[in-house]
C-alpha atoms as a PDB file:
ATOM      1  CA  SER A   1      14.392  -4.157 -16.435  1.00  0.00           C
ATOM      2  CA  ILE A   2      11.369  -6.235 -15.584  1.00  0.00           C
ATOM      3  CA  GLY A   3      11.932  -9.956 -15.965  1.00  0.00           C
ATOM      4  CA  HIS A   4       9.611 -12.231 -17.953  1.00  0.00           C
ATOM      5  CA  ASP A   5       9.458 -14.748 -15.125  1.00  0.00           C
ATOM      6  CA  CYS A   6       8.889 -12.187 -12.384  1.00  0.00           C
ATOM      7  CA  TYR A   7       5.569 -13.729 -11.366  1.00  0.00           C
ATOM      8  CA  LEU A   8       7.463 -16.871 -10.447  1.00  0.00           C
ATOM      9  CA  MET A   9       9.782 -14.887  -8.190  1.00  0.00           C
ATOM     10  CA  ALA A  10       7.069 -13.464  -5.907  1.00  0.00           C
ATOM     11  CA  GLN A  11       7.761 -13.995  -2.242  1.00  0.00           C
ATOM     12  CA  ALA A  12       6.007 -12.614   0.805  1.00  0.00           C
ATOM     13  CA  HIS A  13       7.593  -9.663   2.549  1.00  0.00           C
ATOM     14  CA  VAL A  14       6.971 -10.860   6.095  1.00  0.00           C
ATOM     15  CA  GLY A  15       6.872  -7.406   7.631  1.00  0.00           C
ATOM     16  CA  HIS A  16       4.397  -6.040   5.124  1.00  0.00           C
ATOM     17  CA  ASN A  17       2.327  -8.754   3.470  1.00  0.00           C
ATOM     18  CA  SER A  18       1.068 -12.305   3.796  1.00  0.00           C
ATOM     19  CA  GLY A  19       1.826 -13.092   0.168  1.00  0.00           C
ATOM     20  CA  ASP A  20      -1.827 -13.882  -0.578  1.00  0.00           C
ATOM     21  CA  ASN A  21      -2.588 -11.892  -3.725  1.00  0.00           C
ATOM     22  CA  GLU A  22      -6.227 -12.930  -4.205  1.00  0.00           C
ATOM     23  CA  TRP A  23      -7.918  -9.878  -2.708  1.00  0.00           C
ATOM     24  CA  TYR A  24     -10.283  -7.654  -4.654  1.00  0.00           C
ATOM     25  CA  THR A  25     -11.085  -3.958  -4.455  1.00  0.00           C
ATOM     26  CA  PRO A  26     -14.509  -2.998  -3.069  1.00  0.00           C
ATOM     27  CA  GLU A  27     -16.800  -1.521  -5.731  1.00  0.00           C
ATOM     28  CA  PRO A  28     -17.023   2.075  -4.375  1.00  0.00           C
ATOM     29  CA  PHE A  29     -13.316   2.602  -5.101  1.00  0.00           C
ATOM     30  CA  ILE A  30     -13.686   1.258  -8.628  1.00  0.00           C
ATOM     31  CA  GLU A  31     -16.714   3.492  -9.221  1.00  0.00           C
ATOM     32  CA  ALA A  32     -14.704   6.524  -8.054  1.00  0.00           C
ATOM     33  CA  ALA A  33     -11.838   5.567 -10.386  1.00  0.00           C
ATOM     34  CA  ARG A  34     -14.243   5.239 -13.310  1.00  0.00           C
ATOM     35  CA  ALA A  35     -15.846   8.601 -12.440  1.00  0.00           C
ATOM     36  CA  CYS A  36     -12.401  10.212 -12.351  1.00  0.00           C
ATOM     37  CA  MET A  37     -10.947   8.680 -15.505  1.00  0.00           C
ATOM     38  CA  GLY A  38     -14.156   8.181 -17.494  1.00  0.00           C
ATOM     39  CA  ILE A  39     -13.365   4.594 -18.402  1.00  0.00           C
ATOM     40  CA  ILE A  40     -10.870   1.940 -17.372  1.00  0.00           C
ATOM     41  CA  ASP A  41      -9.014   0.759 -20.443  1.00  0.00           C
ATOM     42  CA  CYS A  42      -6.488  -1.552 -18.812  1.00  0.00           C
ATOM     43  CA  ASP A  43      -6.001  -3.480 -15.582  1.00  0.00           C
ATOM     44  CA  PRO A  44      -2.566  -5.092 -15.819  1.00  0.00           C
ATOM     45  CA  ALA A  45      -2.786  -7.191 -12.618  1.00  0.00           C
ATOM     46  CA  SER A  46      -6.222  -8.725 -12.509  1.00  0.00           C
ATOM     47  CA  THR A  47      -8.396 -11.793 -12.712  1.00  0.00           C
ATOM     48  CA  GLU A  48     -11.694 -12.633 -14.335  1.00  0.00           C
ATOM     49  CA  ILE A  49     -13.387 -12.282 -10.926  1.00  0.00           C
ATOM     50  CA  ALA A  50     -11.863  -8.846 -10.292  1.00  0.00           C
ATOM     51  CA  ASN A  51     -12.743  -7.624 -13.771  1.00  0.00           C
ATOM     52  CA  ARG A  52     -16.441  -8.239 -13.113  1.00  0.00           C
ATOM     53  CA  THR A  53     -16.215  -5.136 -10.912  1.00  0.00           C
ATOM     54  CA  VAL A  54     -13.410  -3.223 -12.637  1.00  0.00           C
ATOM     55  CA  LYS A  55     -14.870  -3.705 -16.134  1.00  0.00           C
ATOM     56  CA  ALA A  56     -11.582  -2.886 -17.845  1.00  0.00           C
ATOM     57  CA  LYS A  57     -11.625  -3.139 -21.629  1.00  0.00           C
ATOM     58  CA  GLN A  58      -8.464  -5.232 -21.323  1.00  0.00           C
ATOM     59  CA  PHE A  59      -7.014  -7.017 -18.327  1.00  0.00           C
ATOM     60  CA  PHE A  60      -4.053  -9.286 -17.767  1.00  0.00           C
ATOM     61  CA  ASN A  61      -3.985 -12.142 -15.298  1.00  0.00           C
ATOM     62  CA  LYS A  62      -1.049 -13.898 -13.690  1.00  0.00           C
ATOM     63  CA  LYS A  63      -0.591 -16.202 -16.683  1.00  0.00           C
ATOM     64  CA  ASP A  64      -0.566 -13.230 -19.098  1.00  0.00           C
ATOM     65  CA  ASN A  65       2.074 -11.441 -16.985  1.00  0.00           C
ATOM     66  CA  GLY A  66       0.873  -7.855 -17.293  1.00  0.00           C
ATOM     67  CA  LEU A  67       4.405  -6.611 -16.731  1.00  0.00           C
ATOM     68  CA  ILE A  68       5.455  -7.677 -20.231  1.00  0.00           C
ATOM     69  CA  GLN A  69       2.249  -6.548 -21.947  1.00  0.00           C
ATOM     70  CA  GLU A  70       1.474  -3.225 -23.602  1.00  0.00           C
ATOM     71  CA  TRP A  71      -0.832  -1.050 -21.510  1.00  0.00           C
ATOM     72  CA  ASN A  72      -2.927   1.791 -22.884  1.00  0.00           C
ATOM     73  CA  GLY A  73      -5.238   4.648 -21.994  1.00  0.00           C
ATOM     74  CA  ASN A  74      -6.583   4.792 -18.442  1.00  0.00           C
ATOM     75  CA  VAL A  75      -5.163   2.221 -16.055  1.00  0.00           C
ATOM     76  CA  TRP A  76      -6.570   0.823 -12.823  1.00  0.00           C
ATOM     77  CA  LEU A  77      -3.920  -1.043 -10.824  1.00  0.00           C
ATOM     78  CA  ASN A  78      -4.317  -2.965  -7.588  1.00  0.00           C
ATOM     79  CA  PRO A  79      -1.025  -4.857  -7.874  1.00  0.00           C
ATOM     80  CA  PRO A  80       0.039  -7.982  -6.022  1.00  0.00           C
ATOM     81  CA  TYR A  81       1.260  -6.686  -2.665  1.00  0.00           C
ATOM     82  CA  ALA A  82       3.963  -9.319  -2.120  1.00  0.00           C
ATOM     83  CA  GLN A  83       7.595  -8.463  -2.786  1.00  0.00           C
ATOM     84  CA  PRO A  84       9.115  -8.187  -5.298  1.00  0.00           C
ATOM     85  CA  MET A  85       5.948  -7.924  -7.419  1.00  0.00           C
ATOM     86  CA  ILE A  86       4.711  -4.652  -5.986  1.00  0.00           C
ATOM     87  CA  GLY A  87       8.042  -3.040  -6.801  1.00  0.00           C
ATOM     88  CA  PHE A  88       7.942  -4.329 -10.378  1.00  0.00           C
ATOM     89  CA  PHE A  89       4.432  -2.959 -10.920  1.00  0.00           C
ATOM     90  CA  ALA A  90       5.296   0.388  -9.269  1.00  0.00           C
ATOM     91  CA  LYS A  91       8.259   0.781 -11.615  1.00  0.00           C
ATOM     92  CA  ALA A  92       6.191  -0.253 -14.645  1.00  0.00           C
ATOM     93  CA  VAL A  93       3.222   2.066 -14.081  1.00  0.00           C
ATOM     94  CA  SER A  94       5.466   5.040 -13.297  1.00  0.00           C
ATOM     95  CA  ALA A  95       7.680   4.473 -16.321  1.00  0.00           C
ATOM     96  CA  LYS A  96       4.728   3.934 -18.673  1.00  0.00           C
ATOM     97  CA  PHE A  97       3.080   7.139 -17.461  1.00  0.00           C
ATOM     98  CA  GLU A  98       6.273   9.186 -17.756  1.00  0.00           C
ATOM     99  CA  ALA A  99       6.838   7.801 -21.283  1.00  0.00           C
ATOM    100  CA  HIS A 100       3.236   8.765 -22.219  1.00  0.00           C
ATOM    101  CA  GLU A 101       2.351   5.130 -22.944  1.00  0.00           C
ATOM    102  CA  ILE A 102      -0.683   5.530 -20.690  1.00  0.00           C
ATOM    103  CA  GLU A 103      -2.825   8.643 -20.183  1.00  0.00           C
ATOM    104  CA  GLN A 104      -3.601   8.282 -16.493  1.00  0.00           C
ATOM    105  CA  ALA A 105      -3.609   5.692 -13.747  1.00  0.00           C
ATOM    106  CA  ILE A 106      -5.009   5.084 -10.298  1.00  0.00           C
ATOM    107  CA  ILE A 107      -2.999   2.677  -8.194  1.00  0.00           C
ATOM    108  CA  LEU A 108      -4.236   1.173  -4.923  1.00  0.00           C
ATOM    109  CA  VAL A 109      -1.431   0.077  -2.611  1.00  0.00           C
ATOM    110  CA  ASN A 110      -0.505  -0.097   1.050  1.00  0.00           C
ATOM    111  CA  ASN A 111       0.578   3.295   2.386  1.00  0.00           C
ATOM    112  CA  ALA A 112       4.161   2.119   2.730  1.00  0.00           C
ATOM    113  CA  THR A 113       5.681   5.568   2.385  1.00  0.00           C
ATOM    114  CA  GLU A 114       9.068   4.304   3.587  1.00  0.00           C
ATOM    115  CA  THR A 115       9.571   2.015   0.581  1.00  0.00           C
ATOM    116  CA  ASP A 116      11.365   2.716  -2.689  1.00  0.00           C
ATOM    117  CA  TRP A 117       8.405   1.461  -4.734  1.00  0.00           C
ATOM    118  CA  PHE A 118       5.992   3.878  -3.023  1.00  0.00           C
ATOM    119  CA  ALA A 119       8.430   6.783  -3.450  1.00  0.00           C
ATOM    120  CA  ARG A 120       8.764   5.910  -7.147  1.00  0.00           C
ATOM    121  CA  MET A 121       5.019   6.228  -7.760  1.00  0.00           C
ATOM    122  CA  ALA A 122       4.655   9.266  -5.495  1.00  0.00           C
ATOM    123  CA  ALA A 123       7.309  11.072  -7.542  1.00  0.00           C
ATOM    124  CA  ALA A 124       5.202  10.569 -10.694  1.00  0.00           C
ATOM    125  CA  ALA A 125       1.875  11.302  -8.976  1.00  0.00           C
ATOM    126  CA  SER A 126      -0.349  14.351  -9.349  1.00  0.00           C
ATOM    127  CA  ALA A 127      -2.321  13.496  -6.211  1.00  0.00           C
ATOM    128  CA  ILE A 128      -2.580  10.848  -3.507  1.00  0.00           C
ATOM    129  CA  CYS A 129      -5.576   9.900  -1.380  1.00  0.00           C
ATOM    130  CA  PHE A 130      -4.948   8.461   2.066  1.00  0.00           C
ATOM    131  CA  PRO A 131      -8.200   6.790   3.200  1.00  0.00           C
ATOM    132  CA  THR A 132      -9.177   7.523   6.799  1.00  0.00           C
ATOM    133  CA  SER A 133      -9.875   3.844   7.427  1.00  0.00           C
ATOM    134  CA  ARG A 134      -8.315   0.622   6.203  1.00  0.00           C
ATOM    135  CA  ILE A 135      -9.873  -0.801   3.063  1.00  0.00           C
ATOM    136  CA  LYS A 136     -11.527  -4.161   3.612  1.00  0.00           C
ATOM    137  CA  PHE A 137     -10.573  -6.016   0.466  1.00  0.00           C
ATOM    138  CA  LEU A 138     -12.772  -8.897  -0.621  1.00  0.00           C
ATOM    139  CA  ASP A 139     -11.671 -12.516  -0.910  1.00  0.00           C
ATOM    140  CA  PRO A 140     -12.699 -14.627  -3.934  1.00  0.00           C
ATOM    141  CA  LYS A 141     -15.986 -15.484  -2.163  1.00  0.00           C
ATOM    142  CA  GLY A 142     -16.792 -11.785  -1.641  1.00  0.00           C
ATOM    143  CA  GLU A 143     -16.048 -11.808   2.103  1.00  0.00           C
ATOM    144  CA  PRO A 144     -14.202  -8.785   3.534  1.00  0.00           C
ATOM    145  CA  GLY A 145     -10.777  -9.291   5.044  1.00  0.00           C
ATOM    146  CA  ALA A 146      -9.155  -7.690   8.073  1.00  0.00           C
ATOM    147  CA  PRO A 147      -6.458  -5.377   6.684  1.00  0.00           C
ATOM    148  CA  LEU A 148      -3.259  -5.028   8.677  1.00  0.00           C
ATOM    149  CA  GLN A 149      -2.380  -1.537   7.507  1.00  0.00           C
ATOM    150  CA  GLY A 150      -3.752   1.481   5.700  1.00  0.00           C
ATOM    151  CA  GLN A 151      -3.736   2.143   1.997  1.00  0.00           C
ATOM    152  CA  ALA A 152      -3.136   4.923  -0.493  1.00  0.00           C
ATOM    153  CA  LEU A 153      -4.653   5.625  -3.888  1.00  0.00           C
ATOM    154  CA  ILE A 154      -2.072   7.215  -6.138  1.00  0.00           C
ATOM    155  CA  TYR A 155      -3.210   9.244  -9.138  1.00  0.00           C
ATOM    156  CA  LEU A 156      -1.051   9.798 -12.207  1.00  0.00           C
ATOM    157  CA  GLY A 157      -2.610  12.200 -14.679  1.00  0.00           C
ATOM    158  CA  LYS A 158      -4.007  15.650 -15.414  1.00  0.00           C
ATOM    159  CA  GLN A 159      -7.427  15.329 -13.736  1.00  0.00           C
ATOM    160  CA  ARG A 160      -6.230  15.841 -10.173  1.00  0.00           C
ATOM    161  CA  ASP A 161      -9.218  18.039  -9.239  1.00  0.00           C
ATOM    162  CA  THR A 162     -11.624  15.369 -10.441  1.00  0.00           C
ATOM    163  CA  PHE A 163      -9.588  12.760  -8.556  1.00  0.00           C
ATOM    164  CA  ALA A 164      -9.840  14.878  -5.387  1.00  0.00           C
ATOM    165  CA  GLN A 165     -13.581  15.359  -5.863  1.00  0.00           C
ATOM    166  CA  GLU A 166     -14.177  11.611  -6.249  1.00  0.00           C
ATOM    167  CA  PHE A 167     -11.738  10.286  -3.661  1.00  0.00           C
ATOM    168  CA  SER A 168     -12.045  12.867  -0.864  1.00  0.00           C
ATOM    169  CA  ARG A 169     -15.075  10.921   0.415  1.00  0.00           C
ATOM    170  CA  PHE A 170     -12.660   8.135   1.393  1.00  0.00           C
ATOM    171  CA  GLY A 171     -10.018  10.282   3.081  1.00  0.00           C
ATOM    172  CA  PHE A 172      -7.757  13.241   2.552  1.00  0.00           C
ATOM    173  CA  VAL A 173      -6.159  14.073  -0.779  1.00  0.00           C
ATOM    174  CA  LEU A 174      -2.742  15.632  -1.175  1.00  0.00           C
ATOM    175  CA  PHE A 175      -1.612  17.386  -4.373  1.00  0.00           C
ATOM    176  CA  LYS A 176       1.863  17.459  -5.761  1.00  0.00           C
ATOM    177  CA  PRO A 177       3.077  21.071  -5.876  1.00  0.00           C
END
């Protein structure tokens, strides 16, 4: 079960992440997500700055603790990458999709295929895009960072062909058999 105070427990996983969670997704990826899903209803791990690009109908910030909130419809998720938060969000989005609480989701995470949290989302996924270059996330001032590893965009839903059409420009897309 996901704890109410889980945001307070976040610690950096030294081998995988700096612990700095204030990085924002570049607009082309958000546009592709919107083109795939039609609209973004919910962003459960966001900020006011991030939502200027995402334009989710509803978003939850750190204070709101999106893990304890009700999500709905089409979800965009670029979760905090620090442990244990990424694992909590991976479990939440997968469980909510499998329980039909949300219709579809696109999750942007590091391509940490060796982790339990990645395997959890991959098991629920219809398709996954592995970008051919590292995504240069933006800091709060809009400056691109220097990513240390590659990413994956995980799609949960029934529009896998549309997902492939939109995201294949970033890299290669794999379908779940």
